[in-house]
Amino acid sequence: GYLRAAAGGRTVPVRLRPRVRSAGRVFGDPLRMQAYESGQATLGQVLDELSQPEPSCYAARMPLATLLPELMPDTAGGPADCFCSSFGSAHAINPVVYLGGGRQATPMHFDPSDNLFCMVQGAKTVTLFHPADTPNLYPAGQRNTTAVYSLVDAPDAADTERFPALADARPRVAEVRAGDVLYLPCGWWHAVRGSEG
């Protein structure tokens, strides 16, 4: 396909060793100092792995301009060009791409900046919580430069005996499909789960 032909030989960062949960295969553990186990692979190797029923990795935080510059022209006229000026100065690392599949999930967290979540292919379920729900979401550790995580991996499948305050939080759920753009404000908690396949 196009990605393989354009940049399949490029080396990209990957997140490894998902934990199997009812909500999917969760990459990352908020109880670890480094939330993610990481490695590197070529984009072609990632695409091969993502074609498997239960991929063992996903490509994360890939700055297009530096890691996949061949793909930058494809972003022209897209959401970044249309909306990003509304959010102030752009971060030098943006746009950033994540590539996953097969019910891949990320632990609940919030990011230190606004995000435009653009879905190119497939679908994801994003469970969101307002910052006012923070006391009910069991934050893990202190805020750092990348994100703050919750001890609750997947809010829709959480252990209510272990996390009783979660019952007082008010989730908002968005289904994001190919062609959709979801605005994620800074400080909004979110857990992301990919669709089947």
Protein backbone atom coordinates (compact mmCIF):
# COMPACT_ATOMS: atom_id res chain seq x y z
CA GLY A 1 0.00 0.00 0.00
CA TYR A 2 0.78 3.67 -0.03
CA LEU A 3 2.43 3.95 3.42
CA ARG A 4 4.77 1.04 2.72
CA ALA A 5 5.76 2.44 -0.68
CA ALA A 6 6.24 5.99 0.61
CA ALA A 7 8.07 5.33 3.89
CA GLY A 8 8.17 1.59 4.67
CA GLY A 9 11.92 1.59 5.29
CA ARG A 10 11.84 4.41 7.86
CA THR A 11 12.56 3.51 11.50
CA VAL A 12 9.78 4.53 13.90
CA PRO A 13 9.17 4.23 17.66
CA VAL A 14 6.84 1.46 18.78
CA ARG A 15 5.11 0.59 22.03
CA LEU A 16 5.34 -3.05 23.02
CA ARG A 17 3.88 -5.77 25.24
CA PRO A 18 0.21 -4.97 25.70
CA ARG A 19 -1.67 -6.10 28.79
CA VAL A 20 -4.82 -8.00 27.82
CA ARG A 21 -7.92 -6.45 29.40
CA SER A 22 -11.63 -6.73 28.68
CA ALA A 23 -11.47 -3.34 26.95
CA GLY A 24 -8.75 -4.56 24.58
CA ARG A 25 -4.98 -4.84 24.52
CA VAL A 26 -3.79 -1.96 26.68
CA PHE A 27 -0.37 -0.58 25.84
CA GLY A 28 1.21 1.15 28.82
CA ASP A 29 1.07 0.84 32.59
CA PRO A 30 0.63 3.95 34.75
CA LEU A 31 2.27 2.19 37.70
CA ARG A 32 5.63 1.99 35.91
CA MET A 33 8.09 4.91 35.99
CA GLN A 34 8.15 4.79 32.19
CA ALA A 35 4.52 4.11 31.32
CA TYR A 36 5.37 2.40 28.02
CA GLU A 37 7.74 -0.35 26.98
CA SER A 38 9.29 0.98 23.79
CA GLY A 39 11.36 -0.17 20.88
CA GLN A 40 11.93 0.59 17.21
CA ALA A 41 10.90 -1.03 13.95
CA THR A 42 10.62 -0.02 10.34
CA LEU A 43 7.25 1.29 9.28
CA GLY A 44 7.00 -1.74 6.99
CA GLN A 45 7.48 -4.08 9.96
CA VAL A 46 4.79 -2.17 11.90
CA LEU A 47 2.37 -2.49 8.98
CA ASP A 48 3.07 -6.24 8.82
CA GLU A 49 2.42 -6.57 12.57
CA LEU A 50 -0.78 -4.50 12.37
CA SER A 51 -2.16 -6.92 9.78
CA GLN A 52 -2.13 -9.66 12.46
CA PRO A 53 -5.33 -10.39 14.46
CA GLU A 54 -3.65 -9.30 17.73
CA PRO A 55 -0.70 -7.02 16.97
CA SER A 56 2.08 -6.97 19.58
CA CYS A 57 2.98 -3.32 18.99
CA TYR A 58 1.77 -0.02 17.71
CA ALA A 59 3.65 2.98 16.37
CA ALA A 60 3.39 5.99 18.67
CA ARG A 61 4.31 9.66 18.75
CA MET A 62 5.76 9.75 15.26
CA PRO A 63 6.53 13.37 14.32
CA LEU A 64 5.88 13.41 10.59
CA ALA A 65 8.34 16.17 9.71
CA THR A 66 11.32 14.31 11.18
CA LEU A 67 10.43 10.59 11.06
CA LEU A 68 8.20 10.36 8.00
CA PRO A 69 8.85 13.53 5.95
CA GLU A 70 7.61 11.78 2.80
CA LEU A 71 4.09 11.98 4.26
CA MET A 72 4.10 15.70 5.11
CA PRO A 73 2.66 16.76 1.72
CA ASP A 74 -0.35 14.54 2.48
CA THR A 75 -1.30 16.79 5.41
CA ALA A 76 -1.64 19.93 3.26
CA GLY A 77 -5.15 21.33 3.43
CA GLY A 78 -6.06 19.00 6.29
CA PRO A 79 -7.29 19.74 9.81
CA ALA A 80 -3.98 21.25 10.95
CA ASP A 81 -4.11 23.86 8.19
CA CYS A 82 -7.78 24.58 8.86
CA PHE A 83 -7.91 24.67 12.68
CA CYS A 84 -4.52 24.83 14.38
CA SER A 85 -4.22 28.62 14.29
CA SER A 86 -7.22 28.67 16.64
CA PHE A 87 -5.08 27.09 19.38
CA GLY A 88 -2.07 29.43 19.42
CA SER A 89 1.47 28.61 18.41
CA ALA A 90 2.05 25.17 16.97
CA HIS A 91 4.33 22.73 18.80
CA ALA A 92 7.47 21.97 16.82
CA ILE A 93 6.80 18.22 17.04
CA ASN A 94 3.37 18.39 15.31
CA PRO A 95 1.78 16.78 13.43
CA VAL A 96 2.28 13.52 15.32
CA VAL A 97 0.93 10.19 14.10
CA TYR A 98 -0.10 7.03 15.96
CA LEU A 99 -0.65 3.82 14.03
CA GLY A 100 -2.44 0.91 15.70
CA GLY A 101 -4.99 -1.81 15.15
CA GLY A 102 -6.76 -4.83 16.57
CA ARG A 103 -8.52 -3.39 19.64
CA GLN A 104 -5.38 -1.55 20.72
CA ALA A 105 -6.08 0.63 23.74
CA THR A 106 -4.26 3.34 25.67
CA PRO A 107 -4.62 3.88 29.42
CA MET A 108 -6.72 6.79 30.62
CA HIS A 109 -4.64 9.98 30.72
CA PHE A 110 -4.62 13.63 29.83
CA ASP A 111 -2.15 15.55 27.72
CA PRO A 112 -0.42 18.86 28.53
CA SER A 113 -1.70 20.53 25.35
CA ASP A 114 -4.73 20.68 23.09
CA ASN A 115 -5.01 17.94 20.44
CA LEU A 116 -6.86 17.40 17.21
CA PHE A 117 -7.52 13.66 17.02
CA CYS A 118 -7.84 12.91 13.28
CA MET A 119 -8.97 9.44 12.25
CA VAL A 120 -7.68 8.39 8.83
CA GLN A 121 -8.83 4.76 8.72
CA GLY A 122 -10.82 2.47 11.00
CA ALA A 123 -12.61 3.61 14.14
CA LYS A 124 -11.86 4.26 17.79
CA THR A 125 -13.96 4.74 20.89
CA VAL A 126 -12.78 7.66 23.01
CA THR A 127 -14.06 7.90 26.58
CA LEU A 128 -13.62 11.44 27.89
CA PHE A 129 -13.88 13.04 31.32
CA HIS A 130 -13.95 16.74 32.18
CA PRO A 131 -11.02 17.98 34.31
CA ALA A 132 -13.50 18.51 37.18
CA ASP A 133 -13.79 14.70 37.38
CA THR A 134 -10.09 14.38 38.28
CA PRO A 135 -10.70 13.51 41.98
CA ASN A 136 -12.83 10.55 40.83
CA LEU A 137 -10.30 9.22 38.32
CA TYR A 138 -7.43 8.10 40.58
CA PRO A 139 -4.53 10.08 39.08
CA ALA A 140 -1.22 8.20 39.19
CA GLY A 141 1.83 10.32 39.98
CA GLN A 142 2.61 13.90 39.14
CA ARG A 143 2.12 15.77 35.90
CA ASN A 144 5.12 15.60 33.60
CA THR A 145 5.83 16.87 30.13
CA THR A 146 3.94 14.15 28.29
CA ALA A 147 0.84 13.13 30.22
CA VAL A 148 -0.80 12.29 33.54
CA TYR A 149 -2.23 8.79 33.85
CA SER A 150 -5.08 7.32 35.84
CA LEU A 151 -4.92 4.07 37.79
CA VAL A 152 -8.16 3.19 35.94
CA ASP A 153 -7.06 1.63 32.63
CA ALA A 154 -10.39 1.46 30.92
CA PRO A 155 -13.25 3.35 32.55
CA ASP A 156 -15.96 1.31 30.81
CA ALA A 157 -14.59 -1.94 32.26
CA ALA A 158 -13.27 -0.69 35.62
CA ASP A 159 -13.37 -2.56 38.91
CA THR A 160 -15.92 -0.50 40.85
CA GLU A 161 -14.94 -2.09 44.17
CA ARG A 162 -11.34 -0.99 43.67
CA PHE A 163 -12.31 2.41 42.22
CA PRO A 164 -15.63 3.39 43.90
CA ALA A 165 -15.30 7.14 43.19
CA LEU A 166 -15.37 6.42 39.46
CA ALA A 167 -19.13 6.00 39.80
CA ASP A 168 -19.34 9.76 40.48
CA ALA A 169 -17.46 10.70 37.30
CA ARG A 170 -19.42 11.61 34.17
CA PRO A 171 -17.98 10.01 31.03
CA ARG A 172 -18.64 11.25 27.54
CA VAL A 173 -18.13 8.68 24.80
CA ALA A 174 -17.28 9.51 21.20
CA GLU A 175 -17.04 7.10 18.30
CA VAL A 176 -14.40 8.52 15.96
CA ARG A 177 -14.45 7.11 12.43
CA ALA A 178 -12.42 7.62 9.27
CA GLY A 179 -12.60 11.29 8.26
CA ASP A 180 -13.63 12.52 11.74
CA VAL A 181 -11.72 15.07 13.81
CA LEU A 182 -12.16 15.19 17.60
CA TYR A 183 -10.90 18.16 19.60
CA LEU A 184 -9.27 17.05 22.89
CA PRO A 185 -8.76 20.07 25.16
CA CYS A 186 -5.74 20.18 27.44
CA GLY A 187 -6.56 18.54 30.77
CA TRP A 188 -9.46 16.39 29.52
CA TRP A 189 -8.97 12.79 30.54
CA HIS A 190 -9.36 10.24 27.74
CA ALA A 191 -9.01 6.50 27.16
CA VAL A 192 -8.85 5.28 23.59
CA ARG A 193 -9.85 1.87 22.29
CA GLY A 194 -9.50 0.76 18.68
CA SER A 195 -12.07 -1.16 16.72
CA GLU A 196 -11.78 -4.81 15.74
CA GLY A 197 -9.30 -5.43 12.94
